[in-house]
Amino acid sequence: DDLIHVGSVEAPSDKLAKNYADTTYDEEDWSVMVLVRREDLIK
């Protein structure tokens, strides 16, 4: 499947961001979940 944007999280570190994302967006049994730092997005 295509990756879809489901939301965002704010955290002081990558490790905590992974935990926050996993617990916040746990409504599906995702085959994959990835995080992208907003500052790394290129318009």
PDB file of all heavy atoms in Angstrom:
ATOM      1  N   ASP A   1       0.847  -1.200   0.000  1.00  0.00           N
ATOM      2  CA  ASP A   1       0.000   0.000   0.000  1.00  0.00           C
ATOM      3  C   ASP A   1       0.881   1.247   0.000  1.00  0.00           C
ATOM      4  O   ASP A   1       2.025   1.220   0.436  1.00  0.00           O
ATOM      5  CB  ASP A   1      -0.886   0.058   1.247  1.00  0.00           C
ATOM      6  CG  ASP A   1      -2.025  -0.944   1.242  1.00  0.00           C
ATOM      7  OD1 ASP A   1      -2.254  -1.589   0.204  1.00  0.00           O
ATOM      8  OD2 ASP A   1      -2.679  -1.081   2.299  1.00  0.00           O
ATOM      9  N   ASP A   2       0.307   2.356  -0.458  1.00  0.00           N
ATOM     10  CA  ASP A   2       0.993   3.641  -0.360  1.00  0.00           C
ATOM     11  C   ASP A   2       1.085   4.047   1.106  1.00  0.00           C
ATOM     12  O   ASP A   2       0.216   3.703   1.911  1.00  0.00           O
ATOM     13  CB  ASP A   2       0.225   4.732  -1.109  1.00  0.00           C
ATOM     14  CG  ASP A   2       0.266   4.557  -2.621  1.00  0.00           C
ATOM     15  OD1 ASP A   2       1.194   3.886  -3.118  1.00  0.00           O
ATOM     16  OD2 ASP A   2      -0.633   5.087  -3.287  1.00  0.00           O
ATOM     17  N   LEU A   3       2.144   4.781   1.441  1.00  0.00           N
ATOM     18  CA  LEU A   3       2.220   5.389   2.768  1.00  0.00           C
ATOM     19  C   LEU A   3       1.193   6.510   2.834  1.00  0.00           C
ATOM     20  O   LEU A   3       1.018   7.247   1.863  1.00  0.00           O
ATOM     21  CB  LEU A   3       3.607   5.973   3.025  1.00  0.00           C
ATOM     22  CG  LEU A   3       4.720   4.992   3.353  1.00  0.00           C
ATOM     23  CD1 LEU A   3       6.064   5.722   3.388  1.00  0.00           C
ATOM     24  CD2 LEU A   3       4.474   4.301   4.677  1.00  0.00           C
ATOM     25  N   ILE A   4       0.510   6.618   3.977  1.00  0.00           N
ATOM     26  CA  ILE A   4      -0.436   7.701   4.171  1.00  0.00           C
ATOM     27  C   ILE A   4      -0.045   8.492   5.419  1.00  0.00           C
ATOM     28  O   ILE A   4       0.503   7.938   6.365  1.00  0.00           O
ATOM     29  CB  ILE A   4      -1.887   7.202   4.285  1.00  0.00           C
ATOM     30  CG1 ILE A   4      -2.039   6.201   5.428  1.00  0.00           C
ATOM     31  CG2 ILE A   4      -2.371   6.611   2.979  1.00  0.00           C
ATOM     32  CD1 ILE A   4      -3.480   5.843   5.753  1.00  0.00           C
ATOM     33  N   HIS A   5      -0.300   9.774   5.390  1.00  0.00           N
ATOM     34  CA  HIS A   5      -0.025  10.637   6.531  1.00  0.00           C
ATOM     35  C   HIS A   5      -1.200  10.514   7.498  1.00  0.00           C
ATOM     36  O   HIS A   5      -2.338  10.772   7.141  1.00  0.00           O
ATOM     37  CB  HIS A   5       0.133  12.081   6.056  1.00  0.00           C
ATOM     38  CG  HIS A   5       0.377  13.040   7.158  1.00  0.00           C
ATOM     39  ND1 HIS A   5      -0.595  13.886   7.621  1.00  0.00           N
ATOM     40  CD2 HIS A   5       1.486  13.285   7.897  1.00  0.00           C
ATOM     41  CE1 HIS A   5      -0.087  14.623   8.596  1.00  0.00           C
ATOM     42  NE2 HIS A   5       1.170  14.271   8.783  1.00  0.00           N
ATOM     43  N   VAL A   6      -0.917  10.099   8.740  1.00  0.00           N
ATOM     44  CA  VAL A   6      -1.993   9.930   9.718  1.00  0.00           C
ATOM     45  C   VAL A   6      -1.962  10.988  10.811  1.00  0.00           C
ATOM     46  O   VAL A   6      -2.901  11.089  11.594  1.00  0.00           O
ATOM     47  CB  VAL A   6      -1.992   8.516  10.351  1.00  0.00           C
ATOM     48  CG1 VAL A   6      -2.339   7.470   9.305  1.00  0.00           C
ATOM     49  CG2 VAL A   6      -0.683   8.202  11.037  1.00  0.00           C
ATOM     50  N   GLY A   7      -0.900  11.764  10.895  1.00  0.00           N
ATOM     51  CA  GLY A   7      -0.837  12.798  11.924  1.00  0.00           C
ATOM     52  C   GLY A   7       0.581  13.181  12.249  1.00  0.00           C
ATOM     53  O   GLY A   7       1.503  12.962  11.462  1.00  0.00           O
ATOM     54  N   SER A   8       0.749  13.739  13.446  1.00  0.00           N
ATOM     55  CA  SER A   8       2.065  14.186  13.861  1.00  0.00           C
ATOM     56  C   SER A   8       2.205  14.044  15.369  1.00  0.00           C
ATOM     57  O   SER A   8       1.209  13.900  16.088  1.00  0.00           O
ATOM     58  CB  SER A   8       2.288  15.640  13.442  1.00  0.00           C
ATOM     59  OG  SER A   8       1.298  16.465  14.011  1.00  0.00           O
ATOM     60  N   VAL A   9       3.445  14.035  15.813  1.00  0.00           N
ATOM     61  CA  VAL A   9       3.754  14.002  17.243  1.00  0.00           C
ATOM     62  C   VAL A   9       4.865  15.000  17.516  1.00  0.00           C
ATOM     63  O   VAL A   9       5.634  15.353  16.627  1.00  0.00           O
ATOM     64  CB  VAL A   9       4.174  12.591  17.740  1.00  0.00           C
ATOM     65  CG1 VAL A   9       3.022  11.613  17.630  1.00  0.00           C
ATOM     66  CG2 VAL A   9       5.393  12.068  17.024  1.00  0.00           C
ATOM     67  N   GLU A  10       4.936  15.438  18.758  1.00  0.00           N
ATOM     68  CA  GLU A  10       6.010  16.316  19.198  1.00  0.00           C
ATOM     69  C   GLU A  10       6.731  15.612  20.332  1.00  0.00           C
ATOM     70  O   GLU A  10       6.102  15.092  21.258  1.00  0.00           O
ATOM     71  CB  GLU A  10       5.450  17.649  19.682  1.00  0.00           C
ATOM     72  CG  GLU A  10       6.520  18.662  19.986  1.00  0.00           C
ATOM     73  CD  GLU A  10       5.936  20.034  20.289  1.00  0.00           C
ATOM     74  OE1 GLU A  10       4.815  20.323  19.839  1.00  0.00           O
ATOM     75  OE2 GLU A  10       6.628  20.796  20.990  1.00  0.00           O
ATOM     76  N   ALA A  11       8.062  15.561  20.242  1.00  0.00           N
ATOM     77  CA  ALA A  11       8.859  14.864  21.252  1.00  0.00           C
ATOM     78  C   ALA A  11      10.272  15.438  21.274  1.00  0.00           C
ATOM     79  O   ALA A  11      10.753  15.953  20.267  1.00  0.00           O
ATOM     80  CB  ALA A  11       8.914  13.366  20.942  1.00  0.00           C
ATOM     81  N   PRO A  12      10.954  15.312  22.418  1.00  0.00           N
ATOM     82  CA  PRO A  12      12.318  15.843  22.519  1.00  0.00           C
ATOM     83  C   PRO A  12      13.381  14.942  21.887  1.00  0.00           C
ATOM     84  O   PRO A  12      14.517  15.367  21.730  1.00  0.00           O
ATOM     85  CB  PRO A  12      12.539  15.959  24.027  1.00  0.00           C
ATOM     86  CG  PRO A  12      11.624  14.952  24.628  1.00  0.00           C
ATOM     87  CD  PRO A  12      10.442  14.873  23.711  1.00  0.00           C
ATOM     88  N   SER A  13      13.019  13.700  21.517  1.00  0.00           N
ATOM     89  CA  SER A  13      14.001  12.791  20.920  1.00  0.00           C
ATOM     90  C   SER A  13      13.301  11.824  19.965  1.00  0.00           C
ATOM     91  O   SER A  13      12.093  11.618  20.046  1.00  0.00           O
ATOM     92  CB  SER A  13      14.714  11.984  22.009  1.00  0.00           C
ATOM     93  OG  SER A  13      13.817  11.064  22.604  1.00  0.00           O
ATOM     94  N   ASP A  14      14.097  11.210  19.067  1.00  0.00           N
ATOM     95  CA  ASP A  14      13.555  10.218  18.144  1.00  0.00           C
ATOM     96  C   ASP A  14      12.950   9.042  18.913  1.00  0.00           C
ATOM     97  O   ASP A  14      11.882   8.538  18.551  1.00  0.00           O
ATOM     98  CB  ASP A  14      14.650   9.700  17.212  1.00  0.00           C
ATOM     99  CG  ASP A  14      15.141  10.748  16.224  1.00  0.00           C
ATOM    100  OD1 ASP A  14      14.541  11.847  16.123  1.00  0.00           O
ATOM    101  OD2 ASP A  14      16.141  10.454  15.537  1.00  0.00           O
ATOM    102  N   LYS A  15      13.625   8.608  19.966  1.00  0.00           N
ATOM    103  CA  LYS A  15      13.151   7.451  20.735  1.00  0.00           C
ATOM    104  C   LYS A  15      11.767   7.717  21.324  1.00  0.00           C
ATOM    105  O   LYS A  15      10.868   6.877  21.223  1.00  0.00           O
ATOM    106  CB  LYS A  15      14.153   7.117  21.840  1.00  0.00           C
ATOM    107  CG  LYS A  15      13.803   5.885  22.619  1.00  0.00           C
ATOM    108  CD  LYS A  15      14.869   5.546  23.639  1.00  0.00           C
ATOM    109  CE  LYS A  15      14.496   4.282  24.402  1.00  0.00           C
ATOM    110  NZ  LYS A  15      15.537   3.897  25.358  1.00  0.00           N
ATOM    111  N   LEU A  16      11.588   8.884  21.937  1.00  0.00           N
ATOM    112  CA  LEU A  16      10.274   9.210  22.500  1.00  0.00           C
ATOM    113  C   LEU A  16       9.244   9.422  21.397  1.00  0.00           C
ATOM    114  O   LEU A  16       8.080   9.048  21.556  1.00  0.00           O
ATOM    115  CB  LEU A  16      10.358  10.445  23.388  1.00  0.00           C
ATOM    116  CG  LEU A  16      10.835  10.191  24.809  1.00  0.00           C
ATOM    117  CD1 LEU A  16      11.004  11.512  25.549  1.00  0.00           C
ATOM    118  CD2 LEU A  16       9.883   9.288  25.554  1.00  0.00           C
ATOM    119  N   ALA A  17       9.645   9.994  20.274  1.00  0.00           N
ATOM    120  CA  ALA A  17       8.714  10.193  19.161  1.00  0.00           C
ATOM    121  C   ALA A  17       8.185   8.852  18.665  1.00  0.00           C
ATOM    122  O   ALA A  17       6.994   8.729  18.367  1.00  0.00           O
ATOM    123  CB  ALA A  17       9.402  10.946  18.026  1.00  0.00           C
ATOM    124  N   LYS A  18       9.042   7.839  18.582  1.00  0.00           N
ATOM    125  CA  LYS A  18       8.597   6.504  18.176  1.00  0.00           C
ATOM    126  C   LYS A  18       7.548   5.974  19.147  1.00  0.00           C
ATOM    127  O   LYS A  18       6.519   5.447  18.734  1.00  0.00           O
ATOM    128  CB  LYS A  18       9.775   5.530  18.137  1.00  0.00           C
ATOM    129  CG  LYS A  18      10.742   5.754  17.014  1.00  0.00           C
ATOM    130  CD  LYS A  18      11.838   4.711  17.110  1.00  0.00           C
ATOM    131  CE  LYS A  18      13.069   5.080  16.356  1.00  0.00           C
ATOM    132  NZ  LYS A  18      14.108   4.048  16.468  1.00  0.00           N
ATOM    133  N   ASN A  19       7.815   6.139  20.437  1.00  0.00           N
ATOM    134  CA  ASN A  19       6.878   5.662  21.446  1.00  0.00           C
ATOM    135  C   ASN A  19       5.558   6.412  21.368  1.00  0.00           C
ATOM    136  O   ASN A  19       4.484   5.796  21.409  1.00  0.00           O
ATOM    137  CB  ASN A  19       7.507   5.802  22.832  1.00  0.00           C
ATOM    138  CG  ASN A  19       6.653   5.232  23.911  1.00  0.00           C
ATOM    139  OD1 ASN A  19       5.766   5.912  24.416  1.00  0.00           O
ATOM    140  ND2 ASN A  19       6.896   3.981  24.264  1.00  0.00           N
ATOM    141  N   TYR A  20       5.612   7.737  21.255  1.00  0.00           N
ATOM    142  CA  TYR A  20       4.400   8.542  21.165  1.00  0.00           C
ATOM    143  C   TYR A  20       3.580   8.162  19.938  1.00  0.00           C
ATOM    144  O   TYR A  20       2.362   8.038  20.007  1.00  0.00           O
ATOM    145  CB  TYR A  20       4.725  10.033  21.109  1.00  0.00           C
ATOM    146  CG  TYR A  20       5.344  10.624  22.341  1.00  0.00           C
ATOM    147  CD1 TYR A  20       5.921  11.882  22.310  1.00  0.00           C
ATOM    148  CD2 TYR A  20       5.380   9.944  23.556  1.00  0.00           C
ATOM    149  CE1 TYR A  20       6.501  12.459  23.438  1.00  0.00           C
ATOM    150  CE2 TYR A  20       5.969  10.501  24.687  1.00  0.00           C
ATOM    151  CZ  TYR A  20       6.519  11.745  24.621  1.00  0.00           C
ATOM    152  OH  TYR A  20       7.094  12.298  25.739  1.00  0.00           O
ATOM    153  N   ALA A  21       4.235   8.000  18.793  1.00  0.00           N
ATOM    154  CA  ALA A  21       3.526   7.654  17.563  1.00  0.00           C
ATOM    155  C   ALA A  21       2.879   6.278  17.682  1.00  0.00           C
ATOM    156  O   ALA A  21       1.722   6.090  17.293  1.00  0.00           O
ATOM    157  CB  ALA A  21       4.484   7.681  16.371  1.00  0.00           C
ATOM    158  N   ASP A  22       3.623   5.332  18.230  1.00  0.00           N
ATOM    159  CA  ASP A  22       3.108   3.973  18.368  1.00  0.00           C
ATOM    160  C   ASP A  22       1.881   3.923  19.276  1.00  0.00           C
ATOM    161  O   ASP A  22       0.922   3.210  18.999  1.00  0.00           O
ATOM    162  CB  ASP A  22       4.212   3.054  18.897  1.00  0.00           C
ATOM    163  CG  ASP A  22       3.827   1.598  18.837  1.00  0.00           C
ATOM    164  OD1 ASP A  22       3.254   1.163  17.809  1.00  0.00           O
ATOM    165  OD2 ASP A  22       4.090   0.874  19.818  1.00  0.00           O
ATOM    166  N   THR A  23       1.894   4.676  20.355  1.00  0.00           N
ATOM    167  CA  THR A  23       0.761   4.649  21.288  1.00  0.00           C
ATOM    168  C   THR A  23      -0.387   5.559  20.850  1.00  0.00           C
ATOM    169  O   THR A  23      -1.547   5.274  21.128  1.00  0.00           O
ATOM    170  CB  THR A  23       1.195   5.019  22.721  1.00  0.00           C
ATOM    171  OG1 THR A  23       1.813   6.299  22.714  1.00  0.00           O
ATOM    172  CG2 THR A  23       2.158   3.998  23.277  1.00  0.00           C
ATOM    173  N   THR A  24      -0.083   6.637  20.124  1.00  0.00           N
ATOM    174  CA  THR A  24      -1.128   7.564  19.685  1.00  0.00           C
ATOM    175  C   THR A  24      -1.904   7.024  18.496  1.00  0.00           C
ATOM    176  O   THR A  24      -3.119   7.188  18.407  1.00  0.00           O
ATOM    177  CB  THR A  24      -0.513   8.932  19.316  1.00  0.00           C
ATOM    178  OG1 THR A  24       0.178   9.445  20.454  1.00  0.00           O
ATOM    179  CG2 THR A  24      -1.571   9.925  18.870  1.00  0.00           C
ATOM    180  N   TYR A  25      -1.203   6.378  17.576  1.00  0.00           N
ATOM    181  CA  TYR A  25      -1.827   5.912  16.333  1.00  0.00           C
ATOM    182  C   TYR A  25      -1.893   4.384  16.300  1.00  0.00           C
ATOM    183  O   TYR A  25      -1.507   3.747  15.328  1.00  0.00           O
ATOM    184  CB  TYR A  25      -1.069   6.469  15.124  1.00  0.00           C
ATOM    185  CG  TYR A  25      -1.057   7.976  15.128  1.00  0.00           C
ATOM    186  CD1 TYR A  25       0.061   8.686  15.545  1.00  0.00           C
ATOM    187  CD2 TYR A  25      -2.186   8.690  14.764  1.00  0.00           C
ATOM    188  CE1 TYR A  25       0.059  10.076  15.581  1.00  0.00           C
ATOM    189  CE2 TYR A  25      -2.204  10.081  14.798  1.00  0.00           C
ATOM    190  CZ  TYR A  25      -1.082  10.763  15.212  1.00  0.00           C
ATOM    191  OH  TYR A  25      -1.098  12.134  15.256  1.00  0.00           O
ATOM    192  N   ASP A  26      -2.423   3.796  17.366  1.00  0.00           N
ATOM    193  CA  ASP A  26      -2.469   2.330  17.484  1.00  0.00           C
ATOM    194  C   ASP A  26      -3.820   1.747  17.090  1.00  0.00           C
ATOM    195  O   ASP A  26      -4.101   0.584  17.373  1.00  0.00           O
ATOM    196  CB  ASP A  26      -2.107   1.911  18.914  1.00  0.00           C
ATOM    197  CG  ASP A  26      -3.110   2.398  19.944  1.00  0.00           C
ATOM    198  OD1 ASP A  26      -3.974   3.234  19.603  1.00  0.00           O
ATOM    199  OD2 ASP A  26      -3.031   1.943  21.094  1.00  0.00           O
ATOM    200  N   GLU A  27      -4.659   2.526  16.397  1.00  0.00           N
ATOM    201  CA  GLU A  27      -6.000   2.046  16.059  1.00  0.00           C
ATOM    202  C   GLU A  27      -5.996   0.994  14.952  1.00  0.00           C
ATOM    203  O   GLU A  27      -6.988   0.316  14.746  1.00  0.00           O
ATOM    204  CB  GLU A  27      -6.922   3.211  15.666  1.00  0.00           C
ATOM    205  CG  GLU A  27      -6.557   3.906  14.359  1.00  0.00           C
ATOM    206  CD  GLU A  27      -5.546   5.035  14.511  1.00  0.00           C
ATOM    207  OE1 GLU A  27      -5.023   5.244  15.611  1.00  0.00           O
ATOM    208  OE2 GLU A  27      -5.285   5.714  13.502  1.00  0.00           O
ATOM    209  N   GLU A  28      -4.917   0.866  14.236  1.00  0.00           N
ATOM    210  CA  GLU A  28      -4.792  -0.137  13.168  1.00  0.00           C
ATOM    211  C   GLU A  28      -3.603  -1.035  13.456  1.00  0.00           C
ATOM    212  O   GLU A  28      -2.703  -0.673  14.210  1.00  0.00           O
ATOM    213  CB  GLU A  28      -4.570   0.550  11.808  1.00  0.00           C
ATOM    214  CG  GLU A  28      -5.722   1.352  11.289  1.00  0.00           C
ATOM    215  CD  GLU A  28      -6.834   0.505  10.699  1.00  0.00           C
ATOM    216  OE1 GLU A  28      -6.619  -0.700  10.449  1.00  0.00           O
ATOM    217  OE2 GLU A  28      -7.924   1.061  10.492  1.00  0.00           O
ATOM    218  N   ASP A  29      -3.593  -2.177  12.803  1.00  0.00           N
ATOM    219  CA  ASP A  29      -2.439  -3.071  12.864  1.00  0.00           C
ATOM    220  C   ASP A  29      -1.573  -2.757  11.636  1.00  0.00           C
ATOM    221  O   ASP A  29      -1.596  -3.456  10.634  1.00  0.00           O
ATOM    222  CB  ASP A  29      -2.902  -4.533  12.855  1.00  0.00           C
ATOM    223  CG  ASP A  29      -1.754  -5.502  13.054  1.00  0.00           C
ATOM    224  OD1 ASP A  29      -0.702  -5.078  13.570  1.00  0.00           O
ATOM    225  OD2 ASP A  29      -1.917  -6.674  12.693  1.00  0.00           O
ATOM    226  N   TRP A  30      -0.855  -1.631  11.718  1.00  0.00           N
ATOM    227  CA  TRP A  30      -0.078  -1.133  10.588  1.00  0.00           C
ATOM    228  C   TRP A  30       1.010  -2.133  10.195  1.00  0.00           C
ATOM    229  O   TRP A  30       1.668  -2.705  11.049  1.00  0.00           O
ATOM    230  CB  TRP A  30       0.604   0.193  10.938  1.00  0.00           C
ATOM    231  CG  TRP A  30      -0.311   1.247  11.481  1.00  0.00           C
ATOM    232  CD1 TRP A  30      -0.319   1.718  12.771  1.00  0.00           C
ATOM    233  CD2 TRP A  30      -1.321   1.968  10.795  1.00  0.00           C
ATOM    234  NE1 TRP A  30      -1.273   2.691  12.917  1.00  0.00           N
ATOM    235  CE2 TRP A  30      -1.912   2.866  11.715  1.00  0.00           C
ATOM    236  CE3 TRP A  30      -1.799   1.950   9.496  1.00  0.00           C
ATOM    237  CZ2 TRP A  30      -2.947   3.729  11.367  1.00  0.00           C
ATOM    238  CZ3 TRP A  30      -2.823   2.811   9.144  1.00  0.00           C
ATOM    239  CH2 TRP A  30      -3.384   3.688  10.077  1.00  0.00           C
ATOM    240  N   SER A  31       1.236  -2.286   8.892  1.00  0.00           N
ATOM    241  CA  SER A  31       2.359  -3.123   8.460  1.00  0.00           C
ATOM    242  C   SER A  31       3.664  -2.347   8.600  1.00  0.00           C
ATOM    243  O   SER A  31       4.721  -2.937   8.783  1.00  0.00           O
ATOM    244  CB  SER A  31       2.175  -3.610   7.022  1.00  0.00           C
ATOM    245  OG  SER A  31       2.293  -2.558   6.098  1.00  0.00           O
ATOM    246  N   VAL A  32       3.579  -1.017   8.528  1.00  0.00           N
ATOM    247  CA  VAL A  32       4.754  -0.174   8.729  1.00  0.00           C
ATOM    248  C   VAL A  32       4.303   1.212   9.208  1.00  0.00           C
ATOM    249  O   VAL A  32       3.237   1.685   8.832  1.00  0.00           O
ATOM    250  CB  VAL A  32       5.612  -0.065   7.441  1.00  0.00           C
ATOM    251  CG1 VAL A  32       4.920   0.739   6.378  1.00  0.00           C
ATOM    252  CG2 VAL A  32       6.977   0.523   7.718  1.00  0.00           C
ATOM    253  N   MET A  33       5.107   1.801  10.067  1.00  0.00           N
ATOM    254  CA  MET A  33       4.900   3.182  10.513  1.00  0.00           C
ATOM    255  C   MET A  33       6.268   3.848  10.509  1.00  0.00           C
ATOM    256  O   MET A  33       7.235   3.278  11.018  1.00  0.00           O
ATOM    257  CB  MET A  33       4.305   3.237  11.919  1.00  0.00           C
ATOM    258  CG  MET A  33       4.118   4.644  12.457  1.00  0.00           C
ATOM    259  SD  MET A  33       3.495   4.709  14.166  1.00  0.00           S
ATOM    260  CE  MET A  33       1.813   4.193  13.933  1.00  0.00           C
ATOM    261  N   VAL A  34       6.350   5.024   9.903  1.00  0.00           N
ATOM    262  CA  VAL A  34       7.615   5.756   9.870  1.00  0.00           C
ATOM    263  C   VAL A  34       7.385   7.192  10.330  1.00  0.00           C
ATOM    264  O   VAL A  34       6.279   7.716  10.247  1.00  0.00           O
ATOM    265  CB  VAL A  34       8.261   5.759   8.465  1.00  0.00           C
ATOM    266  CG1 VAL A  34       8.612   4.355   8.027  1.00  0.00           C
ATOM    267  CG2 VAL A  34       7.361   6.428   7.445  1.00  0.00           C
ATOM    268  N   LEU A  35       8.446   7.793  10.830  1.00  0.00           N
ATOM    269  CA  LEU A  35       8.424   9.190  11.245  1.00  0.00           C
ATOM    270  C   LEU A  35       9.378   9.982  10.373  1.00  0.00           C
ATOM    271  O   LEU A  35      10.442   9.485   9.993  1.00  0.00           O
ATOM    272  CB  LEU A  35       8.878   9.331  12.697  1.00  0.00           C
ATOM    273  CG  LEU A  35       8.051   8.623  13.753  1.00  0.00           C
ATOM    274  CD1 LEU A  35       8.706   8.774  15.121  1.00  0.00           C
ATOM    275  CD2 LEU A  35       6.641   9.166  13.777  1.00  0.00           C
ATOM    276  N   VAL A  36       9.005  11.214  10.087  1.00  0.00           N
ATOM    277  CA  VAL A  36       9.876  12.138   9.373  1.00  0.00           C
ATOM    278  C   VAL A  36       9.917  13.423  10.184  1.00  0.00           C
ATOM    279  O   VAL A  36       8.870  13.967  10.542  1.00  0.00           O
ATOM    280  CB  VAL A  36       9.348  12.451   7.953  1.00  0.00           C
ATOM    281  CG1 VAL A  36      10.257  13.439   7.242  1.00  0.00           C
ATOM    282  CG2 VAL A  36       9.168  11.184   7.144  1.00  0.00           C
ATOM    283  N   ARG A  37      11.123  13.871  10.512  1.00  0.00           N
ATOM    284  CA  ARG A  37      11.225  15.155  11.198  1.00  0.00           C
ATOM    285  C   ARG A  37      10.680  16.235  10.269  1.00  0.00           C
ATOM    286  O   ARG A  37      11.054  16.299   9.098  1.00  0.00           O
ATOM    287  CB  ARG A  37      12.672  15.478  11.552  1.00  0.00           C
ATOM    288  CG  ARG A  37      13.206  14.651  12.667  1.00  0.00           C
ATOM    289  CD  ARG A  37      14.580  15.161  13.073  1.00  0.00           C
ATOM    290  NE  ARG A  37      15.190  14.213  13.976  1.00  0.00           N
ATOM    291  CZ  ARG A  37      16.377  13.669  13.794  1.00  0.00           C
ATOM    292  NH1 ARG A  37      17.110  14.008  12.754  1.00  0.00           N
ATOM    293  NH2 ARG A  37      16.836  12.797  14.660  1.00  0.00           N
ATOM    294  N   ARG A  38       9.800  17.059  10.796  1.00  0.00           N
ATOM    295  CA  ARG A  38       9.192  18.101   9.966  1.00  0.00           C
ATOM    296  C   ARG A  38      10.246  18.997   9.339  1.00  0.00           C
ATOM    297  O   ARG A  38      10.121  19.413   8.191  1.00  0.00           O
ATOM    298  CB  ARG A  38       8.211  18.932  10.789  1.00  0.00           C
ATOM    299  CG  ARG A  38       7.399  19.858   9.895  1.00  0.00           C
ATOM    300  CD  ARG A  38       6.273  20.553  10.590  1.00  0.00           C
ATOM    301  NE  ARG A  38       5.367  19.598  11.183  1.00  0.00           N
ATOM    302  CZ  ARG A  38       4.761  19.795  12.343  1.00  0.00           C
ATOM    303  NH1 ARG A  38       4.956  20.905  13.009  1.00  0.00           N
ATOM    304  NH2 ARG A  38       3.941  18.895  12.831  1.00  0.00           N
ATOM    305  N   GLU A  39      11.330  19.240  10.047  1.00  0.00           N
ATOM    306  CA  GLU A  39      12.390  20.107   9.508  1.00  0.00           C
ATOM    307  C   GLU A  39      13.088  19.479   8.306  1.00  0.00           C
ATOM    308  O   GLU A  39      13.750  20.172   7.537  1.00  0.00           O
ATOM    309  CB  GLU A  39      13.411  20.431  10.589  1.00  0.00           C
ATOM    310  CG  GLU A  39      14.180  19.218  11.076  1.00  0.00           C
ATOM    311  CD  GLU A  39      14.986  19.475  12.338  1.00  0.00           C
ATOM    312  OE1 GLU A  39      14.521  20.189  13.228  1.00  0.00           O
ATOM    313  OE2 GLU A  39      16.105  18.937  12.403  1.00  0.00           O
ATOM    314  N   ASP A  40      12.933  18.160   8.109  1.00  0.00           N
ATOM    315  CA  ASP A  40      13.564  17.476   6.982  1.00  0.00           C
ATOM    316  C   ASP A  40      12.680  17.425   5.739  1.00  0.00           C
ATOM    317  O   ASP A  40      13.119  16.953   4.683  1.00  0.00           O
ATOM    318  CB  ASP A  40      13.970  16.055   7.375  1.00  0.00           C
ATOM    319  CG  ASP A  40      15.110  16.048   8.382  1.00  0.00           C
ATOM    320  OD1 ASP A  40      15.878  17.031   8.417  1.00  0.00           O
ATOM    321  OD2 ASP A  40      15.219  15.064   9.137  1.00  0.00           O
ATOM    322  N   LEU A  41      11.433  17.886   5.854  1.00  0.00           N
ATOM    323  CA  LEU A  41      10.556  17.911   4.683  1.00  0.00           C
ATOM    324  C   LEU A  41      11.015  18.999   3.734  1.00  0.00           C
ATOM    325  O   LEU A  41      11.403  20.092   4.159  1.00  0.00           O
ATOM    326  CB  LEU A  41       9.107  18.173   5.100  1.00  0.00           C
ATOM    327  CG  LEU A  41       8.441  17.076   5.922  1.00  0.00           C
ATOM    328  CD1 LEU A  41       7.085  17.555   6.404  1.00  0.00           C
ATOM    329  CD2 LEU A  41       8.308  15.796   5.125  1.00  0.00           C
ATOM    330  N   ILE A  42      10.971  18.705   2.457  1.00  0.00           N
ATOM    331  CA  ILE A  42      11.375  19.660   1.426  1.00  0.00           C
ATOM    332  C   ILE A  42      10.145  19.996   0.596  1.00  0.00           C
ATOM    333  O   ILE A  42       9.530  19.109  -0.004  1.00  0.00           O
ATOM    334  CB  ILE A  42      12.474  19.071   0.523  1.00  0.00           C
ATOM    335  CG1 ILE A  42      13.704  18.738   1.362  1.00  0.00           C
ATOM    336  CG2 ILE A  42      12.802  20.031  -0.616  1.00  0.00           C
ATOM    337  CD1 ILE A  42      14.739  17.915   0.643  1.00  0.00           C
ATOM    338  N   LYS A  43       9.783  21.253   0.583  1.00  0.00           N
ATOM    339  CA  LYS A  43       8.621  21.684  -0.173  1.00  0.00           C
ATOM    340  C   LYS A  43       8.984  21.760  -1.647  1.00  0.00           C
ATOM    341  O   LYS A  43      10.001  22.348  -2.010  1.00  0.00           O
ATOM    342  CB  LYS A  43       8.143  23.038   0.340  1.00  0.00           C
ATOM    343  CG  LYS A  43       6.756  23.385  -0.114  1.00  0.00           C
ATOM    344  CD  LYS A  43       6.183  24.494   0.733  1.00  0.00           C
ATOM    345  CE  LYS A  43       4.711  24.609   0.480  1.00  0.00           C
ATOM    346  NZ  LYS A  43       4.062  25.487   1.431  1.00  0.00           N
TER     347      LYS A  43
END
